[in-house]
Amino acid sequence: MAGGAQLAATLDIEQVFRRNAQAVYRVCYSFLGSAADAEDATQATFMRLIDHPRTFEDDGHERAWLITVASNLCRDILKSAARTRTVAMPEGVEYVDERASADQVDETVEAVMRLPEKYKDVVYLHYYEGMPTDEIARVVGSPPSTVRNRLRDARALLRKMLEDDG
């Protein structure tokens, strides 16, 4: 528990949780499709911060780190042999611009969720969390040009997926 005591001195976990819990939950829910699983993964994400305290450059860096950890935890859960069920997303979870029609939202979210992981991460961080490509590059550990190329490729894939589905 020495790590937890050290954390209290450098980081107010309650404030970090208040600032980021909803975003982390949305990421977890988008991967796992279950409220209970998303809650567990959200808790595990913040436990990772408590167990491995760190300092952040700013709120954006803090959020990016938490989203990356949450995404990785969810991928691990999905890879586990015990994970076999899927659940439809309830109406109350917001992921995209509220001005879009419900049909467009459902179709687009489903297409984004079918993207390969390397594209899904950058699309989520850029379009849903509003992060600039330079910040995404720092989070995912890739050069900014790679992030921009992945966004371009993801848009092309999404366009094709939506055309094929329509």
N, C-alpha and C. Protein backbone atom coordinates (compact mmCIF):
# COMPACT_ATOMS: atom_id res chain seq x y z
N MET A 1 0.81 -1.20 0.00
CA MET A 1 0.00 0.00 0.00
C MET A 1 0.85 1.26 0.00
N ALA A 2 2.16 1.11 -0.01
CA ALA A 2 3.00 2.30 -0.06
C ALA A 2 2.72 3.09 -1.32
N GLY A 3 2.41 2.39 -2.42
CA GLY A 3 2.06 3.08 -3.67
C GLY A 3 0.84 3.95 -3.49
N GLY A 4 -0.17 3.47 -2.76
CA GLY A 4 -1.38 4.24 -2.52
C GLY A 4 -1.10 5.48 -1.71
N ALA A 5 -0.23 5.37 -0.69
CA ALA A 5 0.12 6.52 0.13
C ALA A 5 0.88 7.55 -0.70
N GLN A 6 1.76 7.06 -1.56
CA GLN A 6 2.50 7.97 -2.43
C GLN A 6 1.55 8.68 -3.38
N LEU A 7 0.54 7.98 -3.85
CA LEU A 7 -0.43 8.57 -4.77
C LEU A 7 -1.15 9.74 -4.12
N ALA A 8 -1.55 9.58 -2.87
CA ALA A 8 -2.29 10.63 -2.18
C ALA A 8 -1.49 11.93 -2.15
N ALA A 9 -0.17 11.81 -2.08
CA ALA A 9 0.67 12.99 -2.01
C ALA A 9 0.77 13.69 -3.37
N THR A 10 0.67 12.96 -4.46
CA THR A 10 0.90 13.56 -5.77
C THR A 10 -0.36 13.72 -6.61
N LEU A 11 -1.44 13.03 -6.26
CA LEU A 11 -2.60 13.01 -7.13
C LEU A 11 -3.85 12.82 -6.30
N ASP A 12 -4.85 13.64 -6.51
CA ASP A 12 -6.12 13.50 -5.83
C ASP A 12 -7.00 12.56 -6.66
N ILE A 13 -7.02 11.29 -6.30
CA ILE A 13 -7.71 10.27 -7.10
C ILE A 13 -9.20 10.57 -7.22
N GLU A 14 -9.79 11.14 -6.20
CA GLU A 14 -11.21 11.46 -6.27
C GLU A 14 -11.48 12.49 -7.37
N GLN A 15 -10.63 13.49 -7.47
CA GLN A 15 -10.79 14.49 -8.52
C GLN A 15 -10.52 13.90 -9.90
N VAL A 16 -9.52 13.04 -9.99
CA VAL A 16 -9.23 12.37 -11.27
C VAL A 16 -10.45 11.53 -11.68
N PHE A 17 -11.02 10.83 -10.72
CA PHE A 17 -12.20 10.00 -10.99
C PHE A 17 -13.36 10.86 -11.46
N ARG A 18 -13.62 11.95 -10.76
CA ARG A 18 -14.74 12.83 -11.13
C ARG A 18 -14.58 13.41 -12.54
N ARG A 19 -13.34 13.75 -12.88
CA ARG A 19 -13.09 14.33 -14.20
C ARG A 19 -13.21 13.31 -15.33
N ASN A 20 -12.90 12.04 -15.04
CA ASN A 20 -12.72 11.09 -16.13
C ASN A 20 -13.59 9.84 -16.09
N ALA A 21 -14.33 9.62 -15.03
CA ALA A 21 -15.08 8.37 -14.90
C ALA A 21 -16.05 8.14 -16.05
N GLN A 22 -16.75 9.17 -16.45
CA GLN A 22 -17.75 9.00 -17.51
C GLN A 22 -17.08 8.63 -18.84
N ALA A 23 -15.99 9.29 -19.18
CA ALA A 23 -15.28 8.97 -20.43
C ALA A 23 -14.72 7.56 -20.39
N VAL A 24 -14.14 7.17 -19.26
CA VAL A 24 -13.59 5.81 -19.14
C VAL A 24 -14.71 4.78 -19.23
N TYR A 25 -15.82 5.05 -18.58
CA TYR A 25 -16.97 4.13 -18.66
C TYR A 25 -17.46 3.98 -20.10
N ARG A 26 -17.56 5.09 -20.83
CA ARG A 26 -18.02 5.02 -22.23
C ARG A 26 -17.08 4.18 -23.08
N VAL A 27 -15.77 4.34 -22.87
CA VAL A 27 -14.80 3.53 -23.60
C VAL A 27 -15.02 2.05 -23.27
N CYS A 28 -15.13 1.74 -22.00
CA CYS A 28 -15.31 0.35 -21.58
C CYS A 28 -16.62 -0.22 -22.13
N TYR A 29 -17.66 0.57 -22.08
CA TYR A 29 -18.94 0.10 -22.58
C TYR A 29 -18.89 -0.13 -24.09
N SER A 30 -18.19 0.74 -24.79
CA SER A 30 -18.10 0.59 -26.24
C SER A 30 -17.36 -0.68 -26.62
N PHE A 31 -16.41 -1.10 -25.81
CA PHE A 31 -15.71 -2.35 -26.07
C PHE A 31 -16.51 -3.56 -25.61
N LEU A 32 -17.11 -3.48 -24.43
CA LEU A 32 -17.66 -4.66 -23.78
C LEU A 32 -19.16 -4.85 -23.97
N GLY A 33 -19.89 -3.77 -24.19
CA GLY A 33 -21.32 -3.87 -24.47
C GLY A 33 -22.18 -4.27 -23.30
N SER A 34 -21.66 -4.20 -22.11
CA SER A 34 -22.41 -4.57 -20.92
C SER A 34 -22.13 -3.56 -19.82
N ALA A 35 -23.19 -3.08 -19.18
CA ALA A 35 -23.02 -2.09 -18.12
C ALA A 35 -22.19 -2.65 -16.96
N ALA A 36 -22.48 -3.87 -16.56
CA ALA A 36 -21.76 -4.47 -15.43
C ALA A 36 -20.28 -4.65 -15.77
N ASP A 37 -20.00 -5.15 -16.97
CA ASP A 37 -18.60 -5.34 -17.37
C ASP A 37 -17.88 -4.00 -17.51
N ALA A 38 -18.60 -3.01 -18.02
CA ALA A 38 -18.01 -1.68 -18.17
C ALA A 38 -17.68 -1.07 -16.81
N GLU A 39 -18.57 -1.27 -15.84
CA GLU A 39 -18.31 -0.78 -14.49
C GLU A 39 -17.08 -1.45 -13.89
N ASP A 40 -16.98 -2.77 -14.07
CA ASP A 40 -15.81 -3.50 -13.55
C ASP A 40 -14.52 -3.01 -14.21
N ALA A 41 -14.56 -2.82 -15.53
CA ALA A 41 -13.37 -2.37 -16.24
C ALA A 41 -13.01 -0.93 -15.85
N THR A 42 -14.02 -0.10 -15.62
CA THR A 42 -13.77 1.28 -15.19
C THR A 42 -13.07 1.26 -13.83
N GLN A 43 -13.58 0.43 -12.94
CA GLN A 43 -12.97 0.32 -11.61
C GLN A 43 -11.53 -0.19 -11.74
N ALA A 44 -11.31 -1.18 -12.58
CA ALA A 44 -9.97 -1.72 -12.76
C ALA A 44 -9.01 -0.67 -13.33
N THR A 45 -9.52 0.19 -14.19
CA THR A 45 -8.70 1.26 -14.77
C THR A 45 -8.20 2.21 -13.68
N PHE A 46 -9.12 2.62 -12.80
CA PHE A 46 -8.71 3.54 -11.74
C PHE A 46 -7.85 2.84 -10.69
N MET A 47 -8.07 1.55 -10.50
CA MET A 47 -7.20 0.79 -9.59
C MET A 47 -5.77 0.72 -10.14
N ARG A 48 -5.65 0.65 -11.44
CA ARG A 48 -4.32 0.65 -12.07
C ARG A 48 -3.60 1.95 -11.74
N LEU A 49 -4.32 3.06 -11.76
CA LEU A 49 -3.72 4.35 -11.41
C LEU A 49 -3.33 4.39 -9.94
N ILE A 50 -4.17 3.84 -9.08
CA ILE A 50 -3.86 3.81 -7.65
C ILE A 50 -2.64 2.93 -7.39
N ASP A 51 -2.59 1.76 -8.06
CA ASP A 51 -1.48 0.83 -7.87
C ASP A 51 -0.17 1.32 -8.49
N HIS A 52 -0.28 2.11 -9.55
CA HIS A 52 0.90 2.62 -10.25
C HIS A 52 0.78 4.13 -10.42
N PRO A 53 0.97 4.88 -9.33
CA PRO A 53 0.77 6.33 -9.38
C PRO A 53 1.71 7.00 -10.37
N ARG A 54 1.22 8.07 -10.94
CA ARG A 54 1.99 8.82 -11.92
C ARG A 54 1.55 10.27 -11.89
N THR A 55 2.35 11.11 -12.48
CA THR A 55 1.96 12.50 -12.63
C THR A 55 1.68 12.74 -14.11
N PHE A 56 0.80 13.68 -14.38
CA PHE A 56 0.39 13.97 -15.74
C PHE A 56 0.72 15.41 -16.07
N GLU A 57 0.99 15.66 -17.35
CA GLU A 57 1.32 17.01 -17.80
C GLU A 57 0.13 17.95 -17.66
N ASP A 58 -1.06 17.42 -17.94
CA ASP A 58 -2.28 18.22 -17.88
C ASP A 58 -3.48 17.27 -17.86
N ASP A 59 -4.69 17.83 -17.82
CA ASP A 59 -5.90 17.01 -17.78
C ASP A 59 -6.06 16.16 -19.03
N GLY A 60 -5.64 16.69 -20.17
CA GLY A 60 -5.74 15.92 -21.42
C GLY A 60 -4.84 14.70 -21.40
N HIS A 61 -3.64 14.85 -20.89
CA HIS A 61 -2.72 13.71 -20.78
C HIS A 61 -3.26 12.68 -19.79
N GLU A 62 -3.83 13.16 -18.70
CA GLU A 62 -4.44 12.29 -17.71
C GLU A 62 -5.56 11.46 -18.34
N ARG A 63 -6.46 12.13 -19.06
CA ARG A 63 -7.59 11.45 -19.70
C ARG A 63 -7.10 10.46 -20.75
N ALA A 64 -6.12 10.87 -21.54
CA ALA A 64 -5.59 9.99 -22.58
C ALA A 64 -4.99 8.73 -21.98
N TRP A 65 -4.25 8.87 -20.89
CA TRP A 65 -3.65 7.71 -20.23
C TRP A 65 -4.74 6.77 -19.73
N LEU A 66 -5.76 7.32 -19.09
CA LEU A 66 -6.84 6.49 -18.56
C LEU A 66 -7.60 5.78 -19.69
N ILE A 67 -7.85 6.46 -20.78
CA ILE A 67 -8.55 5.84 -21.90
C ILE A 67 -7.71 4.73 -22.52
N THR A 68 -6.41 4.95 -22.62
CA THR A 68 -5.54 3.91 -23.16
C THR A 68 -5.53 2.69 -22.25
N VAL A 69 -5.41 2.91 -20.94
CA VAL A 69 -5.44 1.80 -19.99
C VAL A 69 -6.78 1.06 -20.08
N ALA A 70 -7.87 1.81 -20.12
CA ALA A 70 -9.20 1.19 -20.21
C ALA A 70 -9.32 0.37 -21.49
N SER A 71 -8.86 0.90 -22.60
CA SER A 71 -8.92 0.16 -23.87
C SER A 71 -8.13 -1.13 -23.79
N ASN A 72 -6.94 -1.07 -23.22
CA ASN A 72 -6.11 -2.26 -23.10
C ASN A 72 -6.75 -3.30 -22.17
N LEU A 73 -7.32 -2.84 -21.06
CA LEU A 73 -7.99 -3.77 -20.15
C LEU A 73 -9.18 -4.44 -20.84
N CYS A 74 -9.94 -3.67 -21.59
CA CYS A 74 -11.10 -4.23 -22.30
C CYS A 74 -10.67 -5.23 -23.36
N ARG A 75 -9.58 -4.93 -24.07
CA ARG A 75 -9.08 -5.89 -25.06
C ARG A 75 -8.70 -7.20 -24.38
N ASP A 76 -8.06 -7.11 -23.22
CA ASP A 76 -7.70 -8.32 -22.48
C ASP A 76 -8.93 -9.11 -22.08
N ILE A 77 -9.96 -8.41 -21.64
CA ILE A 77 -11.21 -9.08 -21.26
C ILE A 77 -11.82 -9.77 -22.47
N LEU A 78 -11.83 -9.09 -23.60
CA LEU A 78 -12.42 -9.67 -24.81
C LEU A 78 -11.64 -10.87 -25.32
N LYS A 79 -10.34 -10.90 -25.06
CA LYS A 79 -9.51 -12.03 -25.49
C LYS A 79 -9.70 -13.26 -24.61
N SER A 80 -10.19 -13.05 -23.40
CA SER A 80 -10.32 -14.17 -22.47
C SER A 80 -11.33 -15.19 -22.98
N ALA A 81 -11.08 -16.44 -22.72
CA ALA A 81 -11.95 -17.53 -23.21
C ALA A 81 -13.34 -17.45 -22.60
N ALA A 82 -13.47 -16.90 -21.42
CA ALA A 82 -14.77 -16.83 -20.76
C ALA A 82 -15.69 -15.81 -21.40
N ARG A 83 -15.15 -14.92 -22.21
CA ARG A 83 -15.95 -13.85 -22.79
C ARG A 83 -16.62 -14.34 -24.08
N THR A 84 -17.92 -14.65 -24.00
CA THR A 84 -18.59 -15.18 -25.18
C THR A 84 -19.88 -14.45 -25.52
N ARG A 85 -20.35 -13.57 -24.65
CA ARG A 85 -21.65 -12.96 -24.89
C ARG A 85 -21.50 -11.53 -25.38
N THR A 86 -22.53 -11.04 -26.05
CA THR A 86 -22.60 -9.65 -26.45
C THR A 86 -23.96 -9.11 -26.05
N VAL A 87 -24.02 -7.81 -25.82
CA VAL A 87 -25.25 -7.17 -25.39
C VAL A 87 -25.45 -5.93 -26.24
N ALA A 88 -26.69 -5.64 -26.61
CA ALA A 88 -26.98 -4.44 -27.39
C ALA A 88 -26.77 -3.21 -26.53
N MET A 89 -26.32 -2.12 -27.15
CA MET A 89 -26.07 -0.88 -26.45
C MET A 89 -27.39 -0.20 -26.11
N PRO A 90 -27.59 0.18 -24.84
CA PRO A 90 -28.84 0.86 -24.50
C PRO A 90 -28.88 2.27 -25.06
N GLU A 91 -30.06 2.82 -25.15
CA GLU A 91 -30.26 4.13 -25.76
C GLU A 91 -29.61 5.26 -24.98
N GLY A 92 -29.45 5.13 -23.66
CA GLY A 92 -28.96 6.22 -22.84
C GLY A 92 -27.48 6.51 -22.96
N VAL A 93 -26.70 5.70 -23.66
CA VAL A 93 -25.26 5.90 -23.76
C VAL A 93 -24.98 6.76 -24.98
N GLU A 94 -24.34 7.92 -24.76
CA GLU A 94 -24.07 8.84 -25.85
C GLU A 94 -22.66 8.64 -26.36
N TYR A 95 -22.51 8.56 -27.67
CA TYR A 95 -21.19 8.37 -28.27
C TYR A 95 -20.85 9.40 -29.34
N VAL A 96 -21.85 9.97 -29.98
CA VAL A 96 -21.57 10.85 -31.10
C VAL A 96 -22.44 12.10 -31.00
N ASP A 97 -22.29 12.97 -31.95
CA ASP A 97 -23.03 14.22 -32.02
C ASP A 97 -24.52 13.97 -31.89
N GLU A 98 -25.15 14.66 -30.95
CA GLU A 98 -26.57 14.45 -30.70
C GLU A 98 -27.45 14.88 -31.86
N ARG A 99 -26.92 15.71 -32.76
CA ARG A 99 -27.71 16.17 -33.90
C ARG A 99 -27.89 15.09 -34.95
N ALA A 100 -27.06 14.05 -34.93
CA ALA A 100 -27.19 12.97 -35.91
C ALA A 100 -28.44 12.15 -35.62
N SER A 101 -28.99 11.57 -36.66
CA SER A 101 -30.18 10.75 -36.44
C SER A 101 -29.79 9.47 -35.73
N ALA A 102 -30.75 8.85 -35.06
CA ALA A 102 -30.49 7.63 -34.31
C ALA A 102 -29.99 6.52 -35.22
N ASP A 103 -30.56 6.42 -36.43
CA ASP A 103 -30.12 5.38 -37.36
C ASP A 103 -28.67 5.58 -37.78
N GLN A 104 -28.30 6.84 -38.06
CA GLN A 104 -26.92 7.12 -38.44
C GLN A 104 -25.98 6.82 -37.29
N VAL A 105 -26.38 7.17 -36.09
CA VAL A 105 -25.55 6.93 -34.91
C VAL A 105 -25.32 5.44 -34.74
N ASP A 106 -26.39 4.64 -34.75
CA ASP A 106 -26.26 3.20 -34.56
C ASP A 106 -25.39 2.59 -35.64
N GLU A 107 -25.62 2.97 -36.88
CA GLU A 107 -24.87 2.41 -38.00
C GLU A 107 -23.40 2.79 -37.92
N THR A 108 -23.13 4.04 -37.59
CA THR A 108 -21.75 4.51 -37.51
C THR A 108 -21.02 3.88 -36.34
N VAL A 109 -21.66 3.83 -35.18
CA VAL A 109 -21.03 3.23 -34.01
C VAL A 109 -20.72 1.76 -34.28
N GLU A 110 -21.65 1.05 -34.87
CA GLU A 110 -21.42 -0.36 -35.19
C GLU A 110 -20.24 -0.51 -36.14
N ALA A 111 -20.15 0.36 -37.13
CA ALA A 111 -19.03 0.30 -38.08
C ALA A 111 -17.71 0.61 -37.38
N VAL A 112 -17.69 1.62 -36.52
CA VAL A 112 -16.48 1.95 -35.77
C VAL A 112 -16.05 0.75 -34.92
N MET A 113 -17.00 0.09 -34.27
CA MET A 113 -16.67 -1.04 -33.41
C MET A 113 -16.12 -2.23 -34.20
N ARG A 114 -16.40 -2.30 -35.49
CA ARG A 114 -15.88 -3.39 -36.32
C ARG A 114 -14.50 -3.08 -36.89
N LEU A 115 -14.02 -1.86 -36.72
CA LEU A 115 -12.69 -1.51 -37.22
C LEU A 115 -11.61 -2.31 -36.50
N PRO A 116 -10.50 -2.59 -37.18
CA PRO A 116 -9.35 -3.18 -36.48
C PRO A 116 -8.92 -2.28 -35.33
N GLU A 117 -8.36 -2.86 -34.28
CA GLU A 117 -8.02 -2.13 -33.06
C GLU A 117 -7.16 -0.89 -33.32
N LYS A 118 -6.17 -1.00 -34.20
CA LYS A 118 -5.28 0.14 -34.41
C LYS A 118 -6.03 1.35 -34.96
N TYR A 119 -7.12 1.11 -35.66
CA TYR A 119 -7.93 2.22 -36.18
C TYR A 119 -8.97 2.66 -35.15
N LYS A 120 -9.55 1.71 -34.46
CA LYS A 120 -10.60 2.03 -33.49
C LYS A 120 -10.07 2.98 -32.41
N ASP A 121 -8.88 2.73 -31.94
CA ASP A 121 -8.30 3.57 -30.88
C ASP A 121 -8.15 5.02 -31.33
N VAL A 122 -7.54 5.22 -32.51
CA VAL A 122 -7.31 6.59 -32.94
C VAL A 122 -8.62 7.29 -33.30
N VAL A 123 -9.57 6.56 -33.87
CA VAL A 123 -10.87 7.14 -34.20
C VAL A 123 -11.57 7.58 -32.91
N TYR A 124 -11.57 6.70 -31.91
CA TYR A 124 -12.23 7.05 -30.65
C TYR A 124 -11.58 8.29 -30.04
N LEU A 125 -10.26 8.27 -29.91
CA LEU A 125 -9.58 9.38 -29.26
C LEU A 125 -9.76 10.69 -30.02
N HIS A 126 -9.75 10.62 -31.34
CA HIS A 126 -9.86 11.85 -32.13
C HIS A 126 -11.29 12.36 -32.22
N TYR A 127 -12.22 11.49 -32.59
CA TYR A 127 -13.58 11.95 -32.87
C TYR A 127 -14.49 11.97 -31.65
N TYR A 128 -14.28 11.07 -30.71
CA TYR A 128 -15.16 11.01 -29.55
C TYR A 128 -14.60 11.76 -28.36
N GLU A 129 -13.27 11.81 -28.22
CA GLU A 129 -12.66 12.52 -27.10
C GLU A 129 -12.08 13.87 -27.53
N GLY A 130 -12.04 14.11 -28.83
CA GLY A 130 -11.60 15.40 -29.35
C GLY A 130 -10.10 15.66 -29.23
N MET A 131 -9.30 14.62 -29.16
CA MET A 131 -7.85 14.81 -29.01
C MET A 131 -7.22 15.13 -30.36
N PRO A 132 -6.26 16.04 -30.36
CA PRO A 132 -5.51 16.31 -31.59
C PRO A 132 -4.55 15.15 -31.88
N THR A 133 -4.14 15.03 -33.12
CA THR A 133 -3.32 13.89 -33.52
C THR A 133 -1.98 13.84 -32.79
N ASP A 134 -1.39 14.98 -32.48
CA ASP A 134 -0.11 14.97 -31.76
C ASP A 134 -0.26 14.35 -30.37
N GLU A 135 -1.36 14.65 -29.70
CA GLU A 135 -1.60 14.08 -28.38
C GLU A 135 -1.90 12.58 -28.48
N ILE A 136 -2.68 12.19 -29.49
CA ILE A 136 -2.96 10.76 -29.69
C ILE A 136 -1.66 10.02 -29.94
N ALA A 137 -0.76 10.61 -30.72
CA ALA A 137 0.52 9.98 -31.01
C ALA A 137 1.29 9.69 -29.72
N ARG A 138 1.27 10.66 -28.81
CA ARG A 138 1.96 10.47 -27.54
C ARG A 138 1.32 9.33 -26.73
N VAL A 139 -0.01 9.25 -26.77
CA VAL A 139 -0.72 8.23 -26.00
C VAL A 139 -0.48 6.83 -26.56
N VAL A 140 -0.56 6.69 -27.88
CA VAL A 140 -0.44 5.36 -28.47
C VAL A 140 1.00 4.98 -28.80
N GLY A 141 1.92 5.92 -28.63
CA GLY A 141 3.32 5.62 -28.85
C GLY A 141 3.70 5.49 -30.32
N SER A 142 3.03 6.23 -31.17
CA SER A 142 3.32 6.23 -32.61
C SER A 142 3.61 7.65 -33.05
N PRO A 143 4.31 7.80 -34.17
CA PRO A 143 4.54 9.15 -34.68
C PRO A 143 3.22 9.81 -35.11
N PRO A 144 3.13 11.13 -35.03
CA PRO A 144 1.91 11.82 -35.45
C PRO A 144 1.50 11.47 -36.89
N SER A 145 2.47 11.28 -37.77
CA SER A 145 2.13 10.93 -39.16
C SER A 145 1.44 9.58 -39.23
N THR A 146 1.83 8.65 -38.38
CA THR A 146 1.16 7.34 -38.34
C THR A 146 -0.27 7.49 -37.87
N VAL A 147 -0.49 8.32 -36.87
CA VAL A 147 -1.85 8.56 -36.38
C VAL A 147 -2.70 9.17 -37.48
N ARG A 148 -2.17 10.17 -38.18
CA ARG A 148 -2.92 10.79 -39.27
C ARG A 148 -3.23 9.77 -40.38
N ASN A 149 -2.25 8.92 -40.69
CA ASN A 149 -2.48 7.87 -41.70
C ASN A 149 -3.54 6.88 -41.25
N ARG A 150 -3.53 6.52 -39.97
CA ARG A 150 -4.54 5.60 -39.45
C ARG A 150 -5.93 6.23 -39.49
N LEU A 151 -6.01 7.51 -39.18
CA LEU A 151 -7.30 8.20 -39.27
C LEU A 151 -7.80 8.23 -40.72
N ARG A 152 -6.91 8.52 -41.63
CA ARG A 152 -7.27 8.53 -43.05
C ARG A 152 -7.74 7.14 -43.49
N ASP A 153 -6.97 6.11 -43.12
CA ASP A 153 -7.33 4.74 -43.50
C ASP A 153 -8.64 4.31 -42.85
N ALA A 154 -8.84 4.72 -41.58
CA ALA A 154 -10.08 4.37 -40.87
C ALA A 154 -11.28 5.02 -41.54
N ARG A 155 -11.14 6.28 -41.94
CA ARG A 155 -12.24 6.95 -42.64
C ARG A 155 -12.58 6.22 -43.94
N ALA A 156 -11.57 5.80 -44.67
CA ALA A 156 -11.80 5.06 -45.92
C ALA A 156 -12.49 3.73 -45.64
N LEU A 157 -12.03 3.03 -44.61
CA LEU A 157 -12.67 1.76 -44.24
C LEU A 157 -14.12 1.97 -43.81
N LEU A 158 -14.35 2.99 -43.00
CA LEU A 158 -15.71 3.28 -42.55
C LEU A 158 -16.61 3.63 -43.72
N ARG A 159 -16.10 4.44 -44.63
CA ARG A 159 -16.89 4.80 -45.80
C ARG A 159 -17.30 3.54 -46.57
N LYS A 160 -16.34 2.64 -46.79
CA LYS A 160 -16.63 1.40 -47.51
C LYS A 160 -17.61 0.52 -46.73
N MET A 161 -17.40 0.41 -45.42
CA MET A 161 -18.29 -0.41 -44.59
C MET A 161 -19.71 0.14 -44.63
N LEU A 162 -19.86 1.44 -44.53
CA LEU A 162 -21.19 2.05 -44.52
C LEU A 162 -21.85 1.95 -45.89
N GLU A 163 -21.06 2.04 -46.96
CA GLU A 163 -21.63 1.87 -48.29
C GLU A 163 -22.09 0.43 -48.51
N ASP A 164 -21.26 -0.52 -48.06
CA ASP A 164 -21.60 -1.94 -48.22
C ASP A 164 -22.83 -2.33 -47.42
N ASP A 165 -22.96 -1.72 -46.21
CA ASP A 165 -24.10 -2.03 -45.34
C ASP A 165 -25.39 -1.37 -45.85
N GLY A 166 -25.23 -0.25 -46.56
CA GLY A 166 -26.39 0.54 -46.98
C GLY A 166 -26.96 0.09 -48.24
